[in-house]
Amino acid sequence: MPDKAPASPAPLRTLIVDDEPLAIERMRVICGGLAGIEVIAHALDGAAALQEIETSSPDLVLLDMTMPELDGLSVARALARRDQAPAVIFVTAHDNFAVEAFDLDAVDYVLKPVTAERLERAVARAVARRGSRAAGGGNWLSEFWVPHRSELLRIAAGDVDRIDAERDYVRLHVGDRSYLLLQTVSGLEARLDPDRFIRLHRSTILRRDRITGLRHDGLGVWSAELADGSTVRIGRTYLARAKAMAGR
């Protein structure tokens, strides 16, 4: 009996967000011709988009940038605070928001008028990202794109020494420099290789090979000693994993 062909992955359940009904209809037509995508709903403004995302939990949002009241960036910022959020592809007539878009971990930034070929490439990236996350251990986050002045910098995940929470942002420490990224610590923890990174405090993730020792400070308080001579207090919730790292 011949081997069965592998099952095709489920299409990305997609929400289209645009304040122009004609633009939504055009996107529906383009999406209808693409593999790997299924339009399940649309929204005409940012507030309606967030409500629809809460209701239908799409895998992907095709998000217009400029909308009245709650614009696309505001919607993406709200999604960035969630540990589980749909992928976002910005679809816009404006080319001057790309830095902010990628700061918000957007999959892609597609300029109007949208062509089927360009959207297909963007959707392929969203599909690849979903596959990478679903695969688990072999496909952890390998790089960050962070805004710096008027450009985007690529930072390899393996170059990051430490990650600290700063309100709605995280600060990536790379040698003697640091960069802000709009993301949550919990969201990053789920995407980083646990063999290379460990969370030892609700606000801090450390690269394992930067930890030189664990120190008992008394009264049940422990700290991690780092290669640069600094220390990080270990949260009580994370003490067991710190000791497990040390084989205790």
Protein backbone atom coordinates (compact mmCIF):
# COMPACT_ATOMS: atom_id res chain seq x y z
CA MET A 1 0.00 0.00 0.00
CA PRO A 2 1.52 3.37 -0.99
CA ASP A 3 2.34 5.85 1.72
CA LYS A 4 -0.27 8.50 2.29
CA ALA A 5 0.64 12.00 1.22
CA PRO A 6 1.21 14.35 4.16
CA ALA A 7 -1.84 16.39 5.07
CA SER A 8 -1.79 20.01 3.94
CA PRO A 9 -1.65 22.51 6.78
CA ALA A 10 -4.90 24.23 7.64
CA PRO A 11 -5.29 27.63 5.94
CA LEU A 12 -4.66 30.75 7.99
CA ARG A 13 -7.98 32.02 9.30
CA THR A 14 -7.77 35.66 8.27
CA LEU A 15 -9.38 38.94 9.31
CA ILE A 16 -9.29 41.89 6.88
CA VAL A 17 -9.29 45.34 8.51
CA ASP A 18 -9.78 48.47 6.39
CA ASP A 19 -12.03 51.52 6.66
CA GLU A 20 -12.81 51.43 2.91
CA PRO A 21 -15.39 48.78 1.88
CA LEU A 22 -14.03 48.69 -1.69
CA ALA A 23 -10.54 47.94 -0.36
CA ILE A 24 -11.95 45.08 1.72
CA GLU A 25 -13.73 43.65 -1.32
CA ARG A 26 -10.54 43.86 -3.39
CA MET A 27 -8.59 42.06 -0.65
CA ARG A 28 -11.26 39.35 -0.49
CA VAL A 29 -10.91 38.76 -4.22
CA ILE A 30 -7.10 38.56 -4.02
CA CYS A 31 -7.20 36.28 -0.96
CA GLY A 32 -9.69 34.02 -2.72
CA GLY A 33 -7.02 33.15 -5.26
CA LEU A 34 -4.29 32.33 -2.74
CA ALA A 35 -3.56 28.99 -1.13
CA GLY A 36 -3.04 28.83 2.62
CA ILE A 37 -5.48 31.59 3.55
CA GLU A 38 -9.20 31.71 4.40
CA VAL A 39 -10.99 35.01 5.03
CA ILE A 40 -13.35 34.54 7.99
CA ALA A 41 -14.39 38.15 8.70
CA HIS A 42 -13.68 41.82 8.14
CA ALA A 43 -13.75 44.99 10.24
CA LEU A 44 -14.11 48.64 9.22
CA ASP A 45 -12.20 50.22 12.12
CA GLY A 46 -9.66 49.41 14.82
CA ALA A 47 -12.12 48.99 17.68
CA ALA A 48 -14.23 46.57 15.66
CA ALA A 49 -11.05 44.72 14.69
CA LEU A 50 -10.05 44.13 18.32
CA GLN A 51 -13.58 42.94 19.13
CA GLU A 52 -13.57 40.55 16.17
CA ILE A 53 -10.13 39.21 17.13
CA GLU A 54 -11.44 38.52 20.63
CA THR A 55 -14.48 36.73 19.20
CA SER A 56 -13.06 34.69 16.33
CA SER A 57 -9.33 34.31 17.21
CA PRO A 58 -7.94 34.60 13.66
CA ASP A 59 -4.48 33.34 12.77
CA LEU A 60 -3.70 36.37 10.61
CA VAL A 61 -4.83 40.01 10.39
CA LEU A 62 -4.45 42.01 7.17
CA LEU A 63 -4.36 45.43 8.80
CA ASP A 64 -4.77 48.86 7.24
CA MET A 65 -2.53 51.51 8.78
CA THR A 66 -4.58 54.73 8.65
CA MET A 67 -8.07 54.51 10.11
CA PRO A 68 -10.10 57.03 12.14
CA GLU A 69 -9.79 56.96 15.93
CA LEU A 70 -7.98 53.63 16.52
CA ASP A 71 -5.41 53.23 13.72
CA GLY A 72 -3.51 50.15 12.65
CA LEU A 73 -0.49 50.83 14.85
CA SER A 74 -2.75 51.16 17.89
CA VAL A 75 -4.40 47.83 17.08
CA ALA A 76 -1.00 46.17 16.68
CA ARG A 77 0.21 47.66 19.98
CA ALA A 78 -2.83 46.20 21.74
CA LEU A 79 -2.10 42.79 20.20
CA ALA A 80 1.58 42.98 21.16
CA ARG A 81 0.59 42.97 24.84
CA ARG A 82 -1.03 39.55 24.44
CA ASP A 83 0.88 36.33 24.92
CA GLN A 84 -1.18 34.69 22.14
CA ALA A 85 -1.87 37.03 19.24
CA PRO A 86 -2.51 36.62 15.51
CA ALA A 87 0.19 37.38 12.98
CA VAL A 88 -0.12 40.85 11.45
CA ILE A 89 0.54 41.94 7.87
CA PHE A 90 0.18 45.69 7.43
CA VAL A 91 -1.50 46.70 4.17
CA THR A 92 -1.20 50.44 3.59
CA ALA A 93 -0.78 53.22 1.06
CA HIS A 94 1.89 54.85 3.26
CA ASP A 95 5.54 53.82 3.24
CA ASN A 96 6.67 55.83 6.29
CA PHE A 97 5.49 53.54 9.09
CA ALA A 98 7.63 50.48 8.33
CA VAL A 99 9.98 50.95 11.29
CA GLU A 100 7.09 51.13 13.73
CA ALA A 101 5.42 48.15 12.05
CA PHE A 102 8.42 45.85 12.38
CA ASP A 103 9.00 47.11 15.91
CA LEU A 104 5.57 45.57 16.59
CA ASP A 105 6.73 42.21 15.17
CA ALA A 106 4.69 42.51 11.97
CA VAL A 107 5.18 39.66 9.51
CA ASP A 108 5.30 42.02 6.53
CA TYR A 109 4.47 45.52 5.27
CA VAL A 110 2.62 45.53 1.95
CA LEU A 111 2.00 48.74 0.02
CA LYS A 112 -1.21 49.49 -1.85
CA PRO A 113 -2.22 48.89 -4.56
CA VAL A 114 -1.77 45.28 -3.51
CA THR A 115 -0.88 42.66 -6.09
CA ALA A 116 -1.64 38.96 -5.69
CA GLU A 117 2.06 38.11 -6.06
CA ARG A 118 3.15 40.50 -3.30
CA LEU A 119 0.44 39.38 -0.90
CA GLU A 120 1.25 35.74 -1.64
CA ARG A 121 4.85 36.31 -0.50
CA ALA A 122 3.63 37.98 2.69
CA VAL A 123 1.21 35.14 3.43
CA ALA A 124 3.99 32.61 2.83
CA ARG A 125 6.01 34.33 5.54
CA ALA A 126 3.05 34.14 7.93
CA VAL A 127 2.64 30.43 7.15
CA ALA A 128 6.36 29.85 7.74
CA ARG A 129 6.19 31.67 11.06
CA ARG A 130 3.25 29.55 12.19
CA GLY A 131 5.10 26.38 11.17
CA SER A 132 8.21 27.52 13.02
CA ARG A 133 6.29 28.08 16.25
CA ALA A 134 4.33 24.85 15.96
CA ALA A 135 7.48 22.81 15.35
CA GLY A 136 8.83 23.71 18.76
CA GLY A 137 12.41 22.94 19.80
CA GLY A 138 14.13 23.00 16.42
CA ASN A 139 12.64 26.32 15.31
CA TRP A 140 13.09 28.86 18.08
CA LEU A 141 13.35 32.59 17.50
CA SER A 142 16.71 33.19 15.85
CA GLU A 143 16.78 36.96 15.36
CA PHE A 144 15.25 40.30 16.32
CA TRP A 145 14.63 43.31 14.09
CA VAL A 146 14.79 46.38 16.30
CA PRO A 147 14.30 50.06 15.44
CA HIS A 148 17.41 52.19 15.93
CA ARG A 149 17.36 55.85 14.87
CA SER A 150 15.99 55.77 11.30
CA GLU A 151 16.75 52.14 10.50
CA LEU A 152 16.05 48.56 11.52
CA LEU A 153 18.89 46.51 12.97
CA ARG A 154 19.09 42.73 12.80
CA ILE A 155 20.26 41.20 16.09
CA ALA A 156 20.90 37.48 16.35
CA ALA A 157 19.12 35.95 19.34
CA GLY A 158 22.39 34.28 20.32
CA ASP A 159 24.03 37.71 20.74
CA VAL A 160 21.51 38.85 23.37
CA ASP A 161 22.93 38.57 26.89
CA ARG A 162 19.86 39.57 28.86
CA ILE A 163 16.26 40.71 28.39
CA ASP A 164 14.54 43.01 30.90
CA ALA A 165 10.90 44.09 31.00
CA GLU A 166 10.21 47.83 30.85
CA ARG A 167 6.43 48.38 31.05
CA ASP A 168 5.04 47.44 27.63
CA TYR A 169 8.54 46.96 26.20
CA VAL A 170 11.51 44.71 26.69
CA ARG A 171 15.12 45.86 26.64
CA LEU A 172 17.58 43.63 24.79
CA HIS A 173 21.11 43.85 26.20
CA VAL A 174 23.78 43.11 23.61
CA GLY A 175 27.27 43.65 24.97
CA ASP A 176 27.49 47.27 26.11
CA ARG A 177 24.47 48.36 24.04
CA SER A 178 20.74 47.90 24.53
CA TYR A 179 17.62 48.21 22.40
CA LEU A 180 13.90 48.58 23.17
CA LEU A 181 11.36 46.31 21.54
CA LEU A 182 7.59 46.42 21.96
CA GLN A 183 6.99 42.90 23.25
CA THR A 184 6.21 41.05 26.48
CA VAL A 185 8.67 38.97 28.46
CA SER A 186 6.21 36.07 28.57
CA GLY A 187 5.71 36.24 24.83
CA LEU A 188 9.46 36.15 24.18
CA GLU A 189 10.06 33.37 26.70
CA ALA A 190 7.71 31.12 24.72
CA ARG A 191 9.68 31.78 21.51
CA LEU A 192 13.26 31.50 22.82
CA ASP A 193 15.21 28.23 22.95
CA PRO A 194 15.09 27.06 26.60
CA ASP A 195 18.45 25.36 26.14
CA ARG A 196 20.00 28.81 25.55
CA PHE A 197 17.82 31.12 27.65
CA ILE A 198 16.26 30.90 31.10
CA ARG A 199 13.80 33.15 32.88
CA LEU A 200 14.86 33.71 36.48
CA HIS A 201 12.58 36.61 37.41
CA ARG A 202 9.19 37.82 36.20
CA SER A 203 11.05 40.73 34.57
CA THR A 204 14.27 39.06 33.41
CA ILE A 205 15.43 36.43 30.92
CA LEU A 206 19.12 35.50 30.86
CA ARG A 207 21.33 33.73 28.38
CA ARG A 208 22.42 30.57 30.15
CA ASP A 209 26.10 30.78 29.21
CA ARG A 210 26.29 34.25 30.79
CA ILE A 211 25.47 32.82 34.23
CA THR A 212 28.66 32.01 36.14
CA GLY A 213 27.12 30.94 39.43
CA LEU A 214 24.24 31.02 41.91
CA ARG A 215 24.59 32.74 45.28
CA HIS A 216 22.52 32.23 48.42
CA ASP A 217 21.96 35.63 50.03
CA GLY A 218 20.19 34.28 53.11
CA LEU A 219 16.55 33.97 54.17
CA GLY A 220 15.79 31.91 51.09
CA VAL A 221 16.92 34.62 48.68
CA TRP A 222 19.16 33.59 45.76
CA SER A 223 20.92 35.57 43.04
CA ALA A 224 22.48 34.65 39.72
CA GLU A 225 26.04 35.88 39.16
CA LEU A 226 26.78 36.96 35.60
CA ALA A 227 29.93 37.04 33.50
CA ASP A 228 30.06 40.83 33.56
CA GLY A 229 30.20 40.84 37.37
CA SER A 230 26.58 41.89 37.91
CA THR A 231 23.94 39.89 39.74
CA VAL A 232 20.23 39.26 39.17
CA ARG A 233 17.94 38.36 42.02
CA ILE A 234 16.08 35.12 41.33
CA GLY A 235 12.33 35.32 41.81
CA ARG A 236 10.91 32.74 44.21
CA THR A 237 8.69 31.37 41.45
CA TYR A 238 11.78 30.65 39.35
CA LEU A 239 14.12 29.31 42.03
CA ALA A 240 13.35 25.66 41.30
CA ARG A 241 14.32 25.99 37.64
CA ALA A 242 17.53 27.83 38.63
CA LYS A 243 18.50 24.98 40.95
CA ALA A 244 17.58 22.43 38.29
CA MET A 245 19.92 24.22 35.91
CA ALA A 246 22.68 23.73 38.47
CA GLY A 247 21.76 20.05 38.93
CA ARG A 248 20.35 20.50 42.44
